[in-house]
């Protein structure tokens, strides 16, 4: 979705946008989230030569659990406000620059066309957990036999930590 900034009137303009299935799949193609359904609403406000963009993104997608490796649905919702300026980023012209918190929310564009799809993608990816879990008490997979311990039980000791080096040490001791 592109917003033409030169066509905006002074003040606030509201919008709603729902990504089509194909568009969402292409946007998140090389990421860990699959089968994304999302919508965004927000507003853009023109303040003279500057703009303020507010995006509220919500939806769901499919992630892989970090413990049991099963796929699960993950719901997300987040929002972000951007300050948009026309022209080049002043940080690019300096050799040294002290990055501030305000810089993280500032966008510099060189023409009057603002594509919000990369911003939506950024918001979604930043809202994902670092270690996605299908449920908080996921038991994971057995490190010995590889079964999903949420579905089946195995006879391997689950209290002690398994290390493949234990078997290697036993083999080395036998050869001496």
Protein backbone atom coordinates (compact mmCIF):
# COMPACT_ATOMS: atom_id res chain seq x y z
CA UNK A 1 0.00 0.00 0.00
CA UNK A 2 1.43 3.31 -1.04
CA UNK A 3 0.50 6.69 0.34
CA UNK A 4 1.08 9.74 -1.85
CA UNK A 5 2.19 12.39 0.61
CA UNK A 6 1.86 15.29 -1.82
CA UNK A 7 -1.88 14.54 -2.16
CA UNK A 8 -2.59 14.68 1.57
CA UNK A 9 -4.41 17.64 3.06
CA UNK A 10 -3.28 19.35 6.24
CA UNK A 11 -4.45 17.38 9.29
CA UNK A 12 -5.15 13.71 9.99
CA UNK A 13 -6.20 11.07 7.43
CA UNK A 14 -7.40 7.65 8.68
CA UNK A 15 -7.01 4.41 6.72
CA UNK A 16 -7.58 0.64 6.95
CA UNK A 17 -5.75 -1.98 4.92
CA UNK A 18 -6.04 -5.76 4.81
CA UNK A 19 -3.31 -7.74 3.09
CA UNK A 20 -4.40 -10.23 0.49
CA UNK A 21 -3.22 -13.83 1.04
CA UNK A 22 -0.79 -13.77 -1.91
CA UNK A 23 0.59 -10.39 -0.91
CA UNK A 24 1.15 -11.51 2.71
CA UNK A 25 2.90 -14.71 1.58
CA UNK A 26 5.26 -12.71 -0.66
CA UNK A 27 5.95 -10.12 2.04
CA UNK A 28 6.94 -12.76 4.62
CA UNK A 29 8.44 -15.23 2.12
CA UNK A 30 11.96 -15.47 3.61
CA UNK A 31 10.98 -15.23 7.28
CA UNK A 32 10.10 -17.69 10.01
CA UNK A 33 6.40 -16.77 9.94
CA UNK A 34 4.16 -18.47 7.37
CA UNK A 35 0.50 -18.28 6.32
CA UNK A 36 0.10 -14.74 7.53
CA UNK A 37 -3.28 -13.02 7.74
CA UNK A 38 -3.11 -9.43 8.84
CA UNK A 39 -4.75 -6.08 8.72
CA UNK A 40 -3.58 -2.63 9.65
CA UNK A 41 -5.32 0.55 10.49
CA UNK A 42 -3.89 3.88 11.39
CA UNK A 43 -3.59 7.46 10.41
CA UNK A 44 -1.18 9.85 8.80
CA UNK A 45 -1.03 13.48 9.79
CA UNK A 46 0.45 16.25 7.73
CA UNK A 47 2.17 18.99 9.73
CA UNK A 48 3.58 21.40 7.18
CA UNK A 49 6.54 19.69 5.46
CA UNK A 50 6.59 16.83 7.99
CA UNK A 51 4.31 13.85 8.54
CA UNK A 52 3.42 11.55 11.42
CA UNK A 53 2.34 7.98 10.61
CA UNK A 54 0.65 5.71 13.16
CA UNK A 55 0.26 2.00 12.31
CA UNK A 56 -1.70 -0.57 14.32
CA UNK A 57 -1.06 -4.06 12.96
CA UNK A 58 -2.87 -7.22 14.02
CA UNK A 59 -3.26 -10.72 12.68
CA UNK A 60 -1.98 -14.24 12.91
CA UNK A 61 0.56 -16.50 11.32
CA UNK A 62 2.15 -19.90 11.62
CA UNK A 63 5.39 -20.39 13.57
CA UNK A 64 7.48 -23.44 14.46
CA UNK A 65 7.88 -24.23 18.15
CA UNK A 66 11.49 -23.94 19.31
CA UNK A 67 11.12 -26.97 21.63
CA UNK A 68 8.99 -29.57 19.83
CA UNK A 69 9.34 -28.31 16.22
CA UNK A 70 5.56 -28.48 15.65
CA UNK A 71 3.81 -25.72 13.73
CA UNK A 72 1.29 -23.57 15.64
CA UNK A 73 -0.83 -20.47 15.13
CA UNK A 74 0.51 -17.29 16.67
CA UNK A 75 -1.58 -14.14 17.12
CA UNK A 76 0.15 -10.78 17.14
CA UNK A 77 -0.83 -7.18 17.62
CA UNK A 78 1.45 -4.17 17.82
CA UNK A 79 1.65 -0.52 16.90
CA UNK A 80 4.29 2.03 16.05
CA UNK A 81 4.49 5.74 15.28
CA UNK A 82 6.89 7.10 12.65
CA UNK A 83 8.04 10.65 11.99
CA UNK A 84 8.45 11.12 8.25
CA UNK A 85 10.69 13.73 6.68
CA UNK A 86 11.34 14.55 3.05
CA UNK A 87 14.97 14.53 1.98
CA UNK A 88 18.09 12.59 2.87
CA UNK A 89 18.85 11.24 6.30
CA UNK A 90 21.37 13.65 7.91
CA UNK A 91 23.13 10.71 9.61
CA UNK A 92 24.25 9.40 6.22
CA UNK A 93 26.34 12.49 5.48
CA UNK A 94 28.34 12.38 8.73
CA UNK A 95 31.24 10.12 9.57
CA UNK A 96 30.21 9.92 13.22
CA UNK A 97 26.64 10.14 14.45
CA UNK A 98 25.12 9.76 17.89
CA UNK A 99 22.03 7.66 17.33
CA UNK A 100 19.07 8.69 19.49
CA UNK A 101 15.75 7.07 20.33
CA UNK A 102 13.98 9.58 18.10
CA UNK A 103 16.07 8.39 15.14
CA UNK A 104 14.58 4.89 15.45
CA UNK A 105 11.15 6.34 14.72
CA UNK A 106 12.28 8.68 11.93
CA UNK A 107 11.95 7.92 8.23
CA UNK A 108 13.52 9.97 5.49
CA UNK A 109 12.10 9.59 2.01
CA UNK A 110 13.27 11.34 -1.13
CA UNK A 111 9.99 11.42 -3.00
CA UNK A 112 6.37 11.83 -1.99
CA UNK A 113 5.53 8.12 -2.24
CA UNK A 114 5.48 6.18 1.04
CA UNK A 115 5.18 2.37 0.86
CA UNK A 116 3.90 1.12 4.22
CA UNK A 117 4.32 -2.63 3.47
CA UNK A 118 7.98 -2.73 4.64
CA UNK A 119 6.90 -0.89 7.80
CA UNK A 120 4.14 -3.42 8.43
CA UNK A 121 6.61 -6.26 7.94
CA UNK A 122 9.05 -4.64 10.37
CA UNK A 123 6.35 -4.26 13.04
CA UNK A 124 5.27 -7.90 12.69
CA UNK A 125 8.83 -9.29 12.78
CA UNK A 126 9.71 -7.19 15.83
CA UNK A 127 6.60 -8.46 17.64
CA UNK A 128 7.56 -12.13 17.20
CA UNK A 129 9.04 -13.93 20.20
CA UNK A 130 12.75 -14.78 20.09
CA UNK A 131 11.92 -18.35 21.11
CA UNK A 132 8.43 -19.22 19.84
CA UNK A 133 6.65 -21.87 21.91
CA UNK A 134 3.44 -23.71 20.99
CA UNK A 135 2.50 -23.58 24.69
CA UNK A 136 4.33 -22.32 27.74
CA UNK A 137 4.78 -25.79 29.22
CA UNK A 138 5.91 -27.46 25.97
CA UNK A 139 7.98 -30.54 26.84
CA UNK A 140 9.94 -30.51 23.59
CA UNK A 141 11.50 -33.50 21.88
CA UNK A 142 13.54 -36.28 23.46
CA UNK A 143 17.23 -35.67 22.71
CA UNK A 144 17.81 -39.44 22.54
CA UNK A 145 14.99 -40.82 20.39
CA UNK A 146 13.52 -37.60 18.96
CA UNK A 147 9.85 -38.15 19.83
CA UNK A 148 7.60 -35.24 20.68
CA UNK A 149 7.20 -35.53 24.46
CA UNK A 150 3.90 -33.61 24.32
CA UNK A 151 2.34 -36.49 22.37
CA UNK A 152 4.22 -39.63 23.46
CA UNK A 153 6.27 -40.80 26.42
CA UNK A 154 9.63 -42.47 26.17
CA UNK A 155 11.75 -44.43 28.61
CA UNK A 156 14.72 -42.06 28.52
CA UNK A 157 15.61 -40.13 31.65
CA UNK A 158 13.99 -36.71 31.31
CA UNK A 159 15.42 -35.32 34.56
CA UNK A 160 19.10 -35.70 33.70
CA UNK A 161 20.45 -33.83 30.74
CA UNK A 162 21.58 -36.00 27.88
CA UNK A 163 24.89 -35.33 26.23
CA UNK A 164 26.14 -37.19 23.14
CA UNK A 165 29.65 -36.83 24.56
CA UNK A 166 28.83 -39.36 27.31
CA UNK A 167 28.58 -42.14 24.70
CA UNK A 168 31.76 -40.90 23.06
CA UNK A 169 33.62 -40.98 26.39
CA UNK A 170 32.47 -44.59 26.99
CA UNK A 171 33.78 -45.63 23.58
CA UNK A 172 37.13 -43.90 24.18
CA UNK A 173 37.56 -45.63 27.55
CA UNK A 174 36.92 -49.06 25.97
CA UNK A 175 39.64 -48.53 23.37
CA UNK A 176 42.35 -47.80 25.99
